[in-house]
Amino acid sequence: MKAKEKTAIAGMTVGELRIEYSRLSTELVTMKRERYTKQVKNVKIAKNIRLKRAVVSTFLRQKELVV
């Protein structure tokens, strides 16, 4: 994940972070299902989604503790 993406995520509000986290979670579930049902071109996509979801989760927890 690039520094620009992290700063963009850090600038989001708590509501936006929750929406982004749920979107990434559903995207990850879909990706895992497709991984077992059909051939995927890029297998690293699931890893990147997990990493981005972890970053979003971290910023979300930090902002919830401050509020």
Protein backbone atom coordinates (compact mmCIF):
# COMPACT_ATOMS: atom_id res chain seq x y z
CA MET A 1 0.00 0.00 0.00
CA LYS A 2 1.39 3.36 -0.99
CA ALA A 3 1.78 6.33 1.32
CA LYS A 4 -0.80 8.36 -0.64
CA GLU A 5 -3.41 5.67 -0.07
CA LYS A 6 -2.65 5.58 3.65
CA THR A 7 -2.97 9.35 4.00
CA ALA A 8 -6.25 9.25 2.07
CA ILE A 9 -7.55 6.58 4.45
CA ALA A 10 -6.31 8.56 7.47
CA GLY A 11 -8.31 11.56 6.25
CA MET A 12 -11.61 9.65 6.15
CA THR A 13 -14.30 10.05 8.78
CA VAL A 14 -15.42 7.21 11.04
CA GLY A 15 -18.54 6.60 8.95
CA GLU A 16 -16.55 6.44 5.73
CA LEU A 17 -14.07 4.04 7.32
CA ARG A 18 -16.89 1.73 8.43
CA ILE A 19 -18.34 1.72 4.90
CA GLU A 20 -14.90 1.05 3.40
CA TYR A 21 -14.25 -1.78 5.88
CA SER A 22 -17.55 -3.48 5.09
CA ARG A 23 -16.96 -3.04 1.34
CA LEU A 24 -13.52 -4.62 1.61
CA SER A 25 -14.90 -7.48 3.72
CA THR A 26 -17.57 -8.33 1.17
CA GLU A 27 -15.04 -8.01 -1.64
CA LEU A 28 -12.73 -10.44 0.17
CA VAL A 29 -15.52 -12.97 0.65
CA THR A 30 -16.40 -12.72 -3.03
CA MET A 31 -12.76 -13.10 -3.98
CA LYS A 32 -12.35 -16.21 -1.84
CA ARG A 33 -15.48 -17.77 -3.32
CA GLU A 34 -14.30 -17.06 -6.87
CA ARG A 35 -10.88 -18.44 -6.04
CA TYR A 36 -12.36 -21.89 -5.43
CA THR A 37 -15.03 -21.86 -8.15
CA LYS A 38 -13.11 -20.45 -11.09
CA GLN A 39 -9.56 -19.66 -12.03
CA VAL A 40 -8.31 -16.24 -10.95
CA LYS A 41 -5.76 -14.34 -13.03
CA ASN A 42 -4.05 -12.59 -10.13
CA VAL A 43 -3.91 -14.56 -6.89
CA LYS A 44 -2.34 -11.70 -4.92
CA ILE A 45 -5.51 -9.62 -5.04
CA ALA A 46 -6.91 -11.32 -1.93
CA LYS A 47 -3.69 -10.57 -0.03
CA ASN A 48 -3.83 -6.91 -1.03
CA ILE A 49 -7.47 -6.67 0.05
CA ARG A 50 -6.62 -8.19 3.45
CA LEU A 51 -3.76 -5.73 3.94
CA LYS A 52 -5.89 -2.74 2.99
CA ARG A 53 -8.69 -3.95 5.28
CA ALA A 54 -6.17 -4.19 8.14
CA VAL A 55 -5.02 -0.61 7.57
CA VAL A 56 -8.61 0.63 7.46
CA SER A 57 -9.37 -1.31 10.64
CA THR A 58 -6.38 0.23 12.41
CA PHE A 59 -7.34 3.79 11.50
CA LEU A 60 -10.95 3.07 12.44
CA ARG A 61 -9.96 1.82 15.91
CA GLN A 62 -7.69 4.83 16.44
CA LYS A 63 -10.45 7.27 15.53
CA GLU A 64 -13.03 5.48 17.66
CA LEU A 65 -10.73 5.66 20.69
CA VAL A 66 -10.21 9.39 20.22
CA VAL A 67 -13.94 10.13 19.94
